[in-house]
PDB file of N, CA and C in Angstrom:
ATOM      1  N   MET A   1     -23.271   1.053  -8.094  1.00  0.00           N
ATOM      2  CA  MET A   1     -22.920   1.186  -6.700  1.00  0.00           C
ATOM      3  C   MET A   1     -21.477   0.580  -6.427  1.00  0.00           C
ATOM      4  N   ALA A   2     -21.229  -0.504  -7.016  1.00  0.00           N
ATOM      5  CA  ALA A   2     -19.800  -1.031  -6.873  1.00  0.00           C
ATOM      6  C   ALA A   2     -18.783  -0.063  -7.358  1.00  0.00           C
ATOM      7  N   LYS A   3     -19.105   0.603  -8.357  1.00  0.00           N
ATOM      8  CA  LYS A   3     -18.080   1.574  -8.894  1.00  0.00           C
ATOM      9  C   LYS A   3     -17.822   2.709  -7.789  1.00  0.00           C
ATOM     10  N   ASN A   4     -18.957   3.191  -7.159  1.00  0.00           N
ATOM     11  CA  ASN A   4     -18.817   4.168  -6.190  1.00  0.00           C
ATOM     12  C   ASN A   4     -17.954   3.705  -4.961  1.00  0.00           C
ATOM     13  N   THR A   5     -18.247   2.502  -4.569  1.00  0.00           N
ATOM     14  CA  THR A   5     -17.433   1.904  -3.467  1.00  0.00           C
ATOM     15  C   THR A   5     -16.008   1.726  -3.858  1.00  0.00           C
ATOM     16  N   SER A   6     -15.774   1.253  -5.077  1.00  0.00           N
ATOM     17  CA  SER A   6     -14.476   1.081  -5.591  1.00  0.00           C
ATOM     18  C   SER A   6     -13.724   2.462  -5.650  1.00  0.00           C
ATOM     19  N   SER A   7     -14.380   3.466  -6.052  1.00  0.00           N
ATOM     20  CA  SER A   7     -13.638   4.850  -6.114  1.00  0.00           C
ATOM     21  C   SER A   7     -13.378   5.282  -4.802  1.00  0.00           C
ATOM     22  N   LYS A   8     -14.340   5.056  -3.879  1.00  0.00           N
ATOM     23  CA  LYS A   8     -14.041   5.534  -2.449  1.00  0.00           C
ATOM     24  C   LYS A   8     -12.825   4.800  -1.868  1.00  0.00           C
ATOM     25  N   HIS A   9     -12.789   3.504  -2.096  1.00  0.00           N
ATOM     26  CA  HIS A   9     -11.580   2.750  -1.590  1.00  0.00           C
ATOM     27  C   HIS A   9     -10.305   3.251  -2.270  1.00  0.00           C
ATOM     28  N   ALA A  10     -10.328   3.543  -3.529  1.00  0.00           N
ATOM     29  CA  ALA A  10      -9.041   4.131  -4.233  1.00  0.00           C
ATOM     30  C   ALA A  10      -8.698   5.407  -3.611  1.00  0.00           C
ATOM     31  N   GLU A  11      -9.783   6.240  -3.375  1.00  0.00           N
ATOM     32  CA  GLU A  11      -9.514   7.505  -2.748  1.00  0.00           C
ATOM     33  C   GLU A  11      -8.913   7.409  -1.334  1.00  0.00           C
ATOM     34  N   ALA A  12      -9.455   6.485  -0.567  1.00  0.00           N
ATOM     35  CA  ALA A  12      -8.877   6.184   0.758  1.00  0.00           C
ATOM     36  C   ALA A  12      -7.441   5.764   0.677  1.00  0.00           C
ATOM     37  N   LEU A  13      -7.148   4.933  -0.327  1.00  0.00           N
ATOM     38  CA  LEU A  13      -5.809   4.392  -0.507  1.00  0.00           C
ATOM     39  C   LEU A  13      -4.872   5.595  -0.859  1.00  0.00           C
ATOM     40  N   ARG A  14      -5.251   6.413  -1.779  1.00  0.00           N
ATOM     41  CA  ARG A  14      -4.489   7.609  -2.189  1.00  0.00           C
ATOM     42  C   ARG A  14      -4.199   8.527  -0.957  1.00  0.00           C
ATOM     43  N   THR A  15      -5.214   8.677  -0.168  1.00  0.00           N
ATOM     44  CA  THR A  15      -5.116   9.510   1.001  1.00  0.00           C
ATOM     45  C   THR A  15      -4.149   9.020   1.993  1.00  0.00           C
ATOM     46  N   VAL A  16      -4.146   7.715   2.419  1.00  0.00           N
ATOM     47  CA  VAL A  16      -3.209   7.188   3.329  1.00  0.00           C
ATOM     48  C   VAL A  16      -1.846   7.110   2.796  1.00  0.00           C
ATOM     49  N   LEU A  17      -1.724   6.850   1.567  1.00  0.00           N
ATOM     50  CA  LEU A  17      -0.351   6.769   0.958  1.00  0.00           C
ATOM     51  C   LEU A  17       0.264   8.149   0.892  1.00  0.00           C
ATOM     52  N   SER A  18      -0.551   9.156   0.549  1.00  0.00           N
ATOM     53  CA  SER A  18      -0.101  10.528   0.433  1.00  0.00           C
ATOM     54  C   SER A  18       0.232  11.164   1.760  1.00  0.00           C
ATOM     55  N   ASN A  19      -0.255  10.601   2.813  1.00  0.00           N
ATOM     56  CA  ASN A  19      -0.029  11.199   4.154  1.00  0.00           C
ATOM     57  C   ASN A  19       0.886  10.247   4.999  1.00  0.00           C
ATOM     58  N   ALA A  20       1.584   9.328   4.309  1.00  0.00           N
ATOM     59  CA  ALA A  20       2.482   8.402   5.061  1.00  0.00           C
ATOM     60  C   ALA A  20       3.638   9.228   5.776  1.00  0.00           C
ATOM     61  N   PRO A  21       3.789   8.864   7.027  1.00  0.00           N
ATOM     62  CA  PRO A  21       4.875   9.623   7.781  1.00  0.00           C
ATOM     63  C   PRO A  21       6.243   9.045   7.540  1.00  0.00           C
ATOM     64  N   LEU A  22       6.703   9.006   6.293  1.00  0.00           N
ATOM     65  CA  LEU A  22       7.950   8.360   5.970  1.00  0.00           C
ATOM     66  C   LEU A  22       9.149   8.962   6.620  1.00  0.00           C
ATOM     67  N   GLY A  23       9.149  10.266   6.798  1.00  0.00           N
ATOM     68  CA  GLY A  23      10.353  10.942   7.430  1.00  0.00           C
ATOM     69  C   GLY A  23      10.267  11.001   8.890  1.00  0.00           C
ATOM     70  N   SER A  24       9.101  10.650   9.488  1.00  0.00           N
ATOM     71  CA  SER A  24       8.883  10.761  10.897  1.00  0.00           C
ATOM     72  C   SER A  24       9.882   9.995  11.763  1.00  0.00           C
ATOM     73  N   LYS A  25      10.148  10.524  12.925  1.00  0.00           N
ATOM     74  CA  LYS A  25      10.976   9.839  13.863  1.00  0.00           C
ATOM     75  C   LYS A  25      10.106   9.126  14.891  1.00  0.00           C
ATOM     76  N   SER A  26       8.772   9.339  14.850  1.00  0.00           N
ATOM     77  CA  SER A  26       7.807   8.716  15.764  1.00  0.00           C
ATOM     78  C   SER A  26       7.401   7.424  15.290  1.00  0.00           C
ATOM     79  N   GLN A  27       7.898   6.486  16.056  1.00  0.00           N
ATOM     80  CA  GLN A  27       7.479   5.001  15.740  1.00  0.00           C
ATOM     81  C   GLN A  27       5.946   4.805  15.903  1.00  0.00           C
ATOM     82  N   GLN A  28       5.361   5.528  16.918  1.00  0.00           N
ATOM     83  CA  GLN A  28       3.992   5.430  17.161  1.00  0.00           C
ATOM     84  C   GLN A  28       3.213   5.986  15.918  1.00  0.00           C
ATOM     85  N   ALA A  29       3.578   7.009  15.298  1.00  0.00           N
ATOM     86  CA  ALA A  29       2.903   7.569  14.146  1.00  0.00           C
ATOM     87  C   ALA A  29       3.028   6.569  12.936  1.00  0.00           C
ATOM     88  N   LYS A  30       4.206   6.013  12.866  1.00  0.00           N
ATOM     89  CA  LYS A  30       4.425   5.069  11.776  1.00  0.00           C
ATOM     90  C   LYS A  30       3.586   3.762  11.917  1.00  0.00           C
ATOM     91  N   ASP A  31       3.555   3.335  13.193  1.00  0.00           N
ATOM     92  CA  ASP A  31       2.759   2.134  13.473  1.00  0.00           C
ATOM     93  C   ASP A  31       1.233   2.388  13.248  1.00  0.00           C
ATOM     94  N   HIS A  32       0.806   3.505  13.671  1.00  0.00           N
ATOM     95  CA  HIS A  32      -0.640   3.951  13.393  1.00  0.00           C
ATOM     96  C   HIS A  32      -0.986   4.113  11.934  1.00  0.00           C
ATOM     97  N   ALA A  33      -0.029   4.666  11.197  1.00  0.00           N
ATOM     98  CA  ALA A  33      -0.214   4.846   9.778  1.00  0.00           C
ATOM     99  C   ALA A  33      -0.194   3.407   9.003  1.00  0.00           C
ATOM    100  N   LEU A  34       0.614   2.490   9.492  1.00  0.00           N
ATOM    101  CA  LEU A  34       0.697   1.110   9.038  1.00  0.00           C
ATOM    102  C   LEU A  34      -0.587   0.497   9.271  1.00  0.00           C
ATOM    103  N   SER A  35      -1.134   0.505  10.468  1.00  0.00           N
ATOM    104  CA  SER A  35      -2.449  -0.080  10.814  1.00  0.00           C
ATOM    105  C   SER A  35      -3.617   0.412   9.917  1.00  0.00           C
ATOM    106  N   VAL A  36      -3.689   1.680   9.764  1.00  0.00           N
ATOM    107  CA  VAL A  36      -4.744   2.334   8.912  1.00  0.00           C
ATOM    108  C   VAL A  36      -4.598   1.890   7.489  1.00  0.00           C
ATOM    109  N   THR A  37      -3.229   1.971   7.001  1.00  0.00           N
ATOM    110  CA  THR A  37      -3.051   1.549   5.585  1.00  0.00           C
ATOM    111  C   THR A  37      -3.433   0.108   5.345  1.00  0.00           C
ATOM    112  N   LEU A  38      -3.009  -0.755   6.309  1.00  0.00           N
ATOM    113  CA  LEU A  38      -3.302  -2.232   6.127  1.00  0.00           C
ATOM    114  C   LEU A  38      -4.754  -2.431   6.091  1.00  0.00           C
ATOM    115  N   ARG A  39      -5.483  -1.745   6.948  1.00  0.00           N
ATOM    116  CA  ARG A  39      -6.954  -1.825   6.949  1.00  0.00           C
ATOM    117  C   ARG A  39      -7.542  -1.434   5.598  1.00  0.00           C
ATOM    118  N   VAL A  40      -7.013  -0.295   5.031  1.00  0.00           N
ATOM    119  CA  VAL A  40      -7.495   0.032   3.705  1.00  0.00           C
ATOM    120  C   VAL A  40      -7.183  -0.989   2.594  1.00  0.00           C
ATOM    121  N   LEU A  41      -5.955  -1.488   2.624  1.00  0.00           N
ATOM    122  CA  LEU A  41      -5.548  -2.448   1.670  1.00  0.00           C
ATOM    123  C   LEU A  41      -6.354  -3.722   1.734  1.00  0.00           C
ATOM    124  N   LEU A  42      -6.588  -4.180   2.981  1.00  0.00           N
ATOM    125  CA  LEU A  42      -7.364  -5.424   3.168  1.00  0.00           C
ATOM    126  C   LEU A  42      -8.814  -5.291   2.898  1.00  0.00           C
ATOM    127  N   SER A  43      -9.375  -4.084   2.911  1.00  0.00           N
ATOM    128  CA  SER A  43     -10.714  -3.810   2.642  1.00  0.00           C
ATOM    129  C   SER A  43     -11.049  -3.762   1.149  1.00  0.00           C
ATOM    130  N   ILE A  44     -10.044  -3.602   0.374  1.00  0.00           N
ATOM    131  CA  ILE A  44     -10.244  -3.462  -1.144  1.00  0.00           C
ATOM    132  C   ILE A  44     -10.259  -4.962  -1.625  1.00  0.00           C
ATOM    133  N   LYS A  45     -11.375  -5.227  -2.364  1.00  0.00           N
ATOM    134  CA  LYS A  45     -11.554  -6.634  -2.910  1.00  0.00           C
ATOM    135  C   LYS A  45     -10.449  -6.935  -3.932  1.00  0.00           C
ATOM    136  N   ALA A  46     -10.037  -8.147  -4.106  1.00  0.00           N
ATOM    137  CA  ALA A  46      -9.038  -8.509  -5.048  1.00  0.00           C
ATOM    138  C   ALA A  46      -9.397  -8.094  -6.452  1.00  0.00           C
ATOM    139  N   SER A  47     -10.667  -8.045  -6.837  1.00  0.00           N
ATOM    140  CA  SER A  47     -11.114  -7.654  -8.178  1.00  0.00           C
ATOM    141  C   SER A  47     -10.857  -6.194  -8.311  1.00  0.00           C
ATOM    142  N   GLN A  48     -10.741  -5.407  -7.363  1.00  0.00           N
ATOM    143  CA  GLN A  48     -10.615  -3.914  -7.419  1.00  0.00           C
ATOM    144  C   GLN A  48      -9.106  -3.426  -7.248  1.00  0.00           C
ATOM    145  N   ILE A  49      -8.255  -4.364  -6.962  1.00  0.00           N
ATOM    146  CA  ILE A  49      -6.915  -3.892  -6.716  1.00  0.00           C
ATOM    147  C   ILE A  49      -6.262  -3.277  -8.023  1.00  0.00           C
ATOM    148  N   ASP A  50      -6.458  -3.948  -9.176  1.00  0.00           N
ATOM    149  CA  ASP A  50      -5.874  -3.315 -10.375  1.00  0.00           C
ATOM    150  C   ASP A  50      -6.265  -1.899 -10.607  1.00  0.00           C
ATOM    151  N   GLU A  51      -7.582  -1.748 -10.431  1.00  0.00           N
ATOM    152  CA  GLU A  51      -8.062  -0.354 -10.615  1.00  0.00           C
ATOM    153  C   GLU A  51      -7.482   0.691  -9.584  1.00  0.00           C
ATOM    154  N   ALA A  52      -7.325   0.164  -8.369  1.00  0.00           N
ATOM    155  CA  ALA A  52      -6.766   1.125  -7.287  1.00  0.00           C
ATOM    156  C   ALA A  52      -5.262   1.435  -7.609  1.00  0.00           C
ATOM    157  N   VAL A  53      -4.565   0.378  -8.007  1.00  0.00           N
ATOM    158  CA  VAL A  53      -3.116   0.589  -8.306  1.00  0.00           C
ATOM    159  C   VAL A  53      -2.969   1.508  -9.512  1.00  0.00           C
ATOM    160  N   GLN A  54      -3.798   1.351 -10.526  1.00  0.00           N
ATOM    161  CA  GLN A  54      -3.712   2.165 -11.725  1.00  0.00           C
ATOM    162  C   GLN A  54      -3.952   3.655 -11.371  1.00  0.00           C
ATOM    163  N   SER A  55      -4.700   3.932 -10.285  1.00  0.00           N
ATOM    164  CA  SER A  55      -5.054   5.279  -9.934  1.00  0.00           C
ATOM    165  C   SER A  55      -3.846   6.016  -9.218  1.00  0.00           C
ATOM    166  N   LEU A  56      -2.774   5.301  -8.925  1.00  0.00           N
ATOM    167  CA  LEU A  56      -1.657   5.909  -8.188  1.00  0.00           C
ATOM    168  C   LEU A  56      -0.616   6.350  -9.056  1.00  0.00           C
ATOM    169  N   ASN A  57       0.100   7.384  -8.705  1.00  0.00           N
ATOM    170  CA  ASN A  57       1.308   7.967  -9.454  1.00  0.00           C
ATOM    171  C   ASN A  57       2.467   7.151  -8.964  1.00  0.00           C
ATOM    172  N   PRO A  58       3.639   7.202  -9.751  1.00  0.00           N
ATOM    173  CA  PRO A  58       4.781   6.370  -9.390  1.00  0.00           C
ATOM    174  C   PRO A  58       5.267   6.514  -7.983  1.00  0.00           C
ATOM    175  N   GLU A  59       5.262   7.804  -7.427  1.00  0.00           N
ATOM    176  CA  GLU A  59       5.716   7.928  -5.990  1.00  0.00           C
ATOM    177  C   GLU A  59       4.775   7.116  -4.997  1.00  0.00           C
ATOM    178  N   LEU A  60       3.504   7.172  -5.242  1.00  0.00           N
ATOM    179  CA  LEU A  60       2.645   6.450  -4.387  1.00  0.00           C
ATOM    180  C   LEU A  60       2.688   4.924  -4.587  1.00  0.00           C
ATOM    181  N   ILE A  61       3.054   4.472  -5.801  1.00  0.00           N
ATOM    182  CA  ILE A  61       3.305   3.014  -6.026  1.00  0.00           C
ATOM    183  C   ILE A  61       4.432   2.598  -4.997  1.00  0.00           C
ATOM    184  N   ASP A  62       5.492   3.425  -5.001  1.00  0.00           N
ATOM    185  CA  ASP A  62       6.678   3.062  -4.157  1.00  0.00           C
ATOM    186  C   ASP A  62       6.218   3.082  -2.601  1.00  0.00           C
ATOM    187  N   VAL A  63       5.441   3.983  -2.265  1.00  0.00           N
ATOM    188  CA  VAL A  63       4.864   3.942  -0.860  1.00  0.00           C
ATOM    189  C   VAL A  63       4.022   2.824  -0.573  1.00  0.00           C
ATOM    190  N   LEU A  64       3.196   2.403  -1.544  1.00  0.00           N
ATOM    191  CA  LEU A  64       2.376   1.267  -1.389  1.00  0.00           C
ATOM    192  C   LEU A  64       3.229   0.039  -1.284  1.00  0.00           C
ATOM    193  N   MET A  65       4.281  -0.072  -2.031  1.00  0.00           N
ATOM    194  CA  MET A  65       5.162  -1.166  -1.852  1.00  0.00           C
ATOM    195  C   MET A  65       5.795  -1.199  -0.473  1.00  0.00           C
ATOM    196  N   LYS A  66       6.192  -0.116   0.029  1.00  0.00           N
ATOM    197  CA  LYS A  66       6.770  -0.116   1.363  1.00  0.00           C
ATOM    198  C   LYS A  66       5.770  -0.644   2.443  1.00  0.00           C
ATOM    199  N   TYR A  67       4.512  -0.230   2.240  1.00  0.00           N
ATOM    200  CA  TYR A  67       3.562  -0.794   3.240  1.00  0.00           C
ATOM    201  C   TYR A  67       3.235  -2.280   2.982  1.00  0.00           C
ATOM    202  N   VAL A  68       3.308  -2.751   1.770  1.00  0.00           N
ATOM    203  CA  VAL A  68       3.168  -4.096   1.429  1.00  0.00           C
ATOM    204  C   VAL A  68       4.224  -4.965   2.189  1.00  0.00           C
ATOM    205  N   TYR A  69       5.464  -4.475   2.072  1.00  0.00           N
ATOM    206  CA  TYR A  69       6.584  -5.190   2.764  1.00  0.00           C
ATOM    207  C   TYR A  69       6.446  -5.112   4.298  1.00  0.00           C
ATOM    208  N   ARG A  70       6.009  -3.960   4.808  1.00  0.00           N
ATOM    209  CA  ARG A  70       5.822  -3.809   6.226  1.00  0.00           C
ATOM    210  C   ARG A  70       4.708  -4.851   6.673  1.00  0.00           C
ATOM    211  N   GLY A  71       3.705  -4.833   5.805  1.00  0.00           N
ATOM    212  CA  GLY A  71       2.554  -5.844   6.152  1.00  0.00           C
ATOM    213  C   GLY A  71       3.094  -7.386   6.228  1.00  0.00           C
ATOM    214  N   PHE A  72       4.031  -7.716   5.333  1.00  0.00           N
ATOM    215  CA  PHE A  72       4.600  -8.993   5.306  1.00  0.00           C
ATOM    216  C   PHE A  72       5.325  -9.310   6.680  1.00  0.00           C
ATOM    217  N   GLU A  73       5.774  -8.270   7.355  1.00  0.00           N
ATOM    218  CA  GLU A  73       6.552  -8.408   8.557  1.00  0.00           C
ATOM    219  C   GLU A  73       5.635  -8.758   9.695  1.00  0.00           C
ATOM    220  N   ILE A  74       4.368  -8.371   9.615  1.00  0.00           N
ATOM    221  CA  ILE A  74       3.493  -8.638  10.690  1.00  0.00           C
ATOM    222  C   ILE A  74       2.193  -9.205  10.158  1.00  0.00           C
ATOM    223  N   PRO A  75       2.261 -10.528   9.659  1.00  0.00           N
ATOM    224  CA  PRO A  75       1.070 -11.189   9.045  1.00  0.00           C
ATOM    225  C   PRO A  75      -0.004 -11.383  10.102  1.00  0.00           C
ATOM    226  N   SER A  76      -1.242 -11.214   9.540  1.00  0.00           N
ATOM    227  CA  SER A  76      -2.351 -11.593  10.159  1.00  0.00           C
ATOM    228  C   SER A  76      -3.150 -12.595   9.449  1.00  0.00           C
ATOM    229  N   GLU A  77      -4.232 -13.111   9.992  1.00  0.00           N
ATOM    230  CA  GLU A  77      -5.045 -14.103   9.304  1.00  0.00           C
ATOM    231  C   GLU A  77      -5.478 -13.666   7.922  1.00  0.00           C
ATOM    232  N   GLY A  78      -5.022 -14.272   6.805  1.00  0.00           N
ATOM    233  CA  GLY A  78      -5.455 -13.964   5.538  1.00  0.00           C
ATOM    234  C   GLY A  78      -4.818 -12.792   4.896  1.00  0.00           C
ATOM    235  N   SER A  79      -3.943 -12.046   5.656  1.00  0.00           N
ATOM    236  CA  SER A  79      -3.356 -10.864   5.075  1.00  0.00           C
ATOM    237  C   SER A  79      -2.328 -11.111   4.040  1.00  0.00           C
ATOM    238  N   SER A  80      -1.525 -12.124   4.168  1.00  0.00           N
ATOM    239  CA  SER A  80      -0.341 -12.389   3.418  1.00  0.00           C
ATOM    240  C   SER A  80      -0.713 -12.649   1.913  1.00  0.00           C
ATOM    241  N   GLY A  81      -1.761 -13.482   1.807  1.00  0.00           N
ATOM    242  CA  GLY A  81      -2.245 -13.737   0.398  1.00  0.00           C
ATOM    243  C   GLY A  81      -2.758 -12.476  -0.309  1.00  0.00           C
ATOM    244  N   HIS A  82      -3.482 -11.643   0.400  1.00  0.00           N
ATOM    245  CA  HIS A  82      -3.975 -10.385  -0.103  1.00  0.00           C
ATOM    246  C   HIS A  82      -2.849  -9.465  -0.395  1.00  0.00           C
ATOM    247  N   LEU A  83      -1.902  -9.330   0.536  1.00  0.00           N
ATOM    248  CA  LEU A  83      -0.761  -8.467   0.232  1.00  0.00           C
ATOM    249  C   LEU A  83       0.136  -9.040  -0.968  1.00  0.00           C
ATOM    250  N   LEU A  84       0.217 -10.243  -1.218  1.00  0.00           N
ATOM    251  CA  LEU A  84       0.762 -10.822  -2.357  1.00  0.00           C
ATOM    252  C   LEU A  84       0.149 -10.295  -3.662  1.00  0.00           C
ATOM    253  N   LEU A  85      -1.145 -10.236  -3.645  1.00  0.00           N
ATOM    254  CA  LEU A  85      -1.838  -9.669  -4.808  1.00  0.00           C
ATOM    255  C   LEU A  85      -1.545  -8.205  -4.946  1.00  0.00           C
ATOM    256  N   TRP A  86      -1.430  -7.443  -3.893  1.00  0.00           N
ATOM    257  CA  TRP A  86      -1.075  -6.043  -4.008  1.00  0.00           C
ATOM    258  C   TRP A  86       0.430  -5.901  -4.510  1.00  0.00           C
ATOM    259  N   HIS A  87       1.200  -6.727  -4.013  1.00  0.00           N
ATOM    260  CA  HIS A  87       2.677  -6.762  -4.488  1.00  0.00           C
ATOM    261  C   HIS A  87       2.653  -7.011  -5.947  1.00  0.00           C
ATOM    262  N   GLU A  88       1.944  -8.007  -6.447  1.00  0.00           N
ATOM    263  CA  GLU A  88       1.955  -8.323  -7.939  1.00  0.00           C
ATOM    264  C   GLU A  88       1.471  -7.156  -8.712  1.00  0.00           C
ATOM    265  N   LYS A  89       0.399  -6.606  -8.292  1.00  0.00           N
ATOM    266  CA  LYS A  89      -0.205  -5.443  -9.055  1.00  0.00           C
ATOM    267  C   LYS A  89       0.714  -4.238  -9.035  1.00  0.00           C
ATOM    268  N   ALA A  90       1.263  -3.947  -7.830  1.00  0.00           N
ATOM    269  CA  ALA A  90       2.211  -2.827  -7.845  1.00  0.00           C
ATOM    270  C   ALA A  90       3.470  -3.002  -8.672  1.00  0.00           C
ATOM    271  N   TYR A  91       3.920  -4.322  -8.627  1.00  0.00           N
ATOM    272  CA  TYR A  91       5.112  -4.579  -9.462  1.00  0.00           C
ATOM    273  C   TYR A  91       4.808  -4.475 -10.946  1.00  0.00           C
ATOM    274  N   ASN A  92       3.605  -4.899 -11.295  1.00  0.00           N
ATOM    275  CA  ASN A  92       3.139  -4.780 -12.730  1.00  0.00           C
ATOM    276  C   ASN A  92       3.242  -3.373 -13.198  1.00  0.00           C
ATOM    277  N   VAL A  93       2.957  -2.416 -12.415  1.00  0.00           N
ATOM    278  CA  VAL A  93       3.007  -0.984 -12.721  1.00  0.00           C
ATOM    279  C   VAL A  93       4.382  -0.347 -12.411  1.00  0.00           C
ATOM    280  N   GLY A  94       4.931  -0.655 -11.280  1.00  0.00           N
ATOM    281  CA  GLY A  94       6.209  -0.020 -10.833  1.00  0.00           C
ATOM    282  C   GLY A  94       7.431  -0.684 -11.351  1.00  0.00           C
ATOM    283  N   GLY A  95       7.392  -2.008 -11.696  1.00  0.00           N
ATOM    284  CA  GLY A  95       8.538  -2.712 -12.187  1.00  0.00           C
ATOM    285  C   GLY A  95       9.569  -3.021 -11.065  1.00  0.00           C
ATOM    286  N   VAL A  96      10.689  -3.529 -11.569  1.00  0.00           N
ATOM    287  CA  VAL A  96      11.743  -3.914 -10.574  1.00  0.00           C
ATOM    288  C   VAL A  96      12.253  -2.629  -9.891  1.00  0.00           C
ATOM    289  N   GLY A  97      12.292  -1.514 -10.557  1.00  0.00           N
ATOM    290  CA  GLY A  97      12.814  -0.314  -9.920  1.00  0.00           C
ATOM    291  C   GLY A  97      12.069   0.068  -8.666  1.00  0.00           C
ATOM    292  N   CYS A  98      10.747  -0.200  -8.643  1.00  0.00           N
ATOM    293  CA  CYS A  98       9.880   0.095  -7.540  1.00  0.00           C
ATOM    294  C   CYS A  98      10.419  -0.755  -6.310  1.00  0.00           C
ATOM    295  N   ILE A  99      10.715  -2.059  -6.527  1.00  0.00           N
ATOM    296  CA  ILE A  99      11.247  -2.881  -5.452  1.00  0.00           C
ATOM    297  C   ILE A  99      12.610  -2.438  -5.002  1.00  0.00           C
ATOM    298  N   ILE A 100      13.465  -2.176  -5.930  1.00  0.00           N
ATOM    299  CA  ILE A 100      14.864  -1.704  -5.600  1.00  0.00           C
ATOM    300  C   ILE A 100      14.856  -0.284  -4.741  1.00  0.00           C
ATOM    301  N   ARG A 101      13.903   0.535  -5.157  1.00  0.00           N
ATOM    302  CA  ARG A 101      13.852   1.848  -4.464  1.00  0.00           C
ATOM    303  C   ARG A 101      13.323   1.540  -3.017  1.00  0.00           C
ATOM    304  N   VAL A 102      12.354   0.681  -2.929  1.00  0.00           N
ATOM    305  CA  VAL A 102      11.823   0.461  -1.531  1.00  0.00           C
ATOM    306  C   VAL A 102      12.844  -0.273  -0.648  1.00  0.00           C
ATOM    307  N   LEU A 103      13.520  -1.238  -1.174  1.00  0.00           N
ATOM    308  CA  LEU A 103      14.466  -2.001  -0.328  1.00  0.00           C
ATOM    309  C   LEU A 103      15.803  -1.147  -0.067  1.00  0.00           C
ATOM    310  N   SER A 104      16.080  -0.124  -0.837  1.00  0.00           N
ATOM    311  CA  SER A 104      17.300   0.686  -0.579  1.00  0.00           C
ATOM    312  C   SER A 104      16.959   1.976   0.135  1.00  0.00           C
ATOM    313  N   ASP A 105      15.670   2.285   0.319  1.00  0.00           N
ATOM    314  CA  ASP A 105      15.371   3.511   0.881  1.00  0.00           C
ATOM    315  C   ASP A 105      15.406   3.464   2.495  1.00  0.00           C
ATOM    316  N   SER A 106      16.050   4.413   3.110  1.00  0.00           N
ATOM    317  CA  SER A 106      16.230   4.446   4.567  1.00  0.00           C
ATOM    318  C   SER A 106      14.981   4.972   5.287  1.00  0.00           C
ATOM    319  N   LYS A 107      14.076   5.525   4.505  1.00  0.00           N
ATOM    320  CA  LYS A 107      12.788   6.066   5.041  1.00  0.00           C
ATOM    321  C   LYS A 107      11.759   4.951   5.007  1.00  0.00           C
ATOM    322  N   ARG A 108      11.591   4.278   6.141  1.00  0.00           N
ATOM    323  CA  ARG A 108      10.661   3.159   6.302  1.00  0.00           C
ATOM    324  C   ARG A 108       9.256   3.622   6.496  1.00  0.00           C
ATOM    325  N   ALA A 109       8.356   2.739   6.019  1.00  0.00           N
ATOM    326  CA  ALA A 109       6.920   3.037   6.251  1.00  0.00           C
ATOM    327  C   ALA A 109       6.534   2.574   7.664  1.00  0.00           C
TER     328      ALA A 109
END
């Protein structure tokens, strides 16, 4: 059962990252996508983060990192520590290049 839940969370993560409105001019669309993505990220247990990150392609790792940085901008109770775990796991897969691409990209999450 845990595996089933884990795969559903990974699928939800891939879905929200694949549909990120990065090129959108609508701040409302971006804010809504951020809210949904943060809900998905925070619902995935720390023990399942590695598996979820491993299921992402390099482009989605970059999008994930964009949302992690956006999440740092608007911390909520307990979110920063969890987002730090996501940052670590995404960095382990995407490397320094992932961070550089996110920080230099004008298309914000």
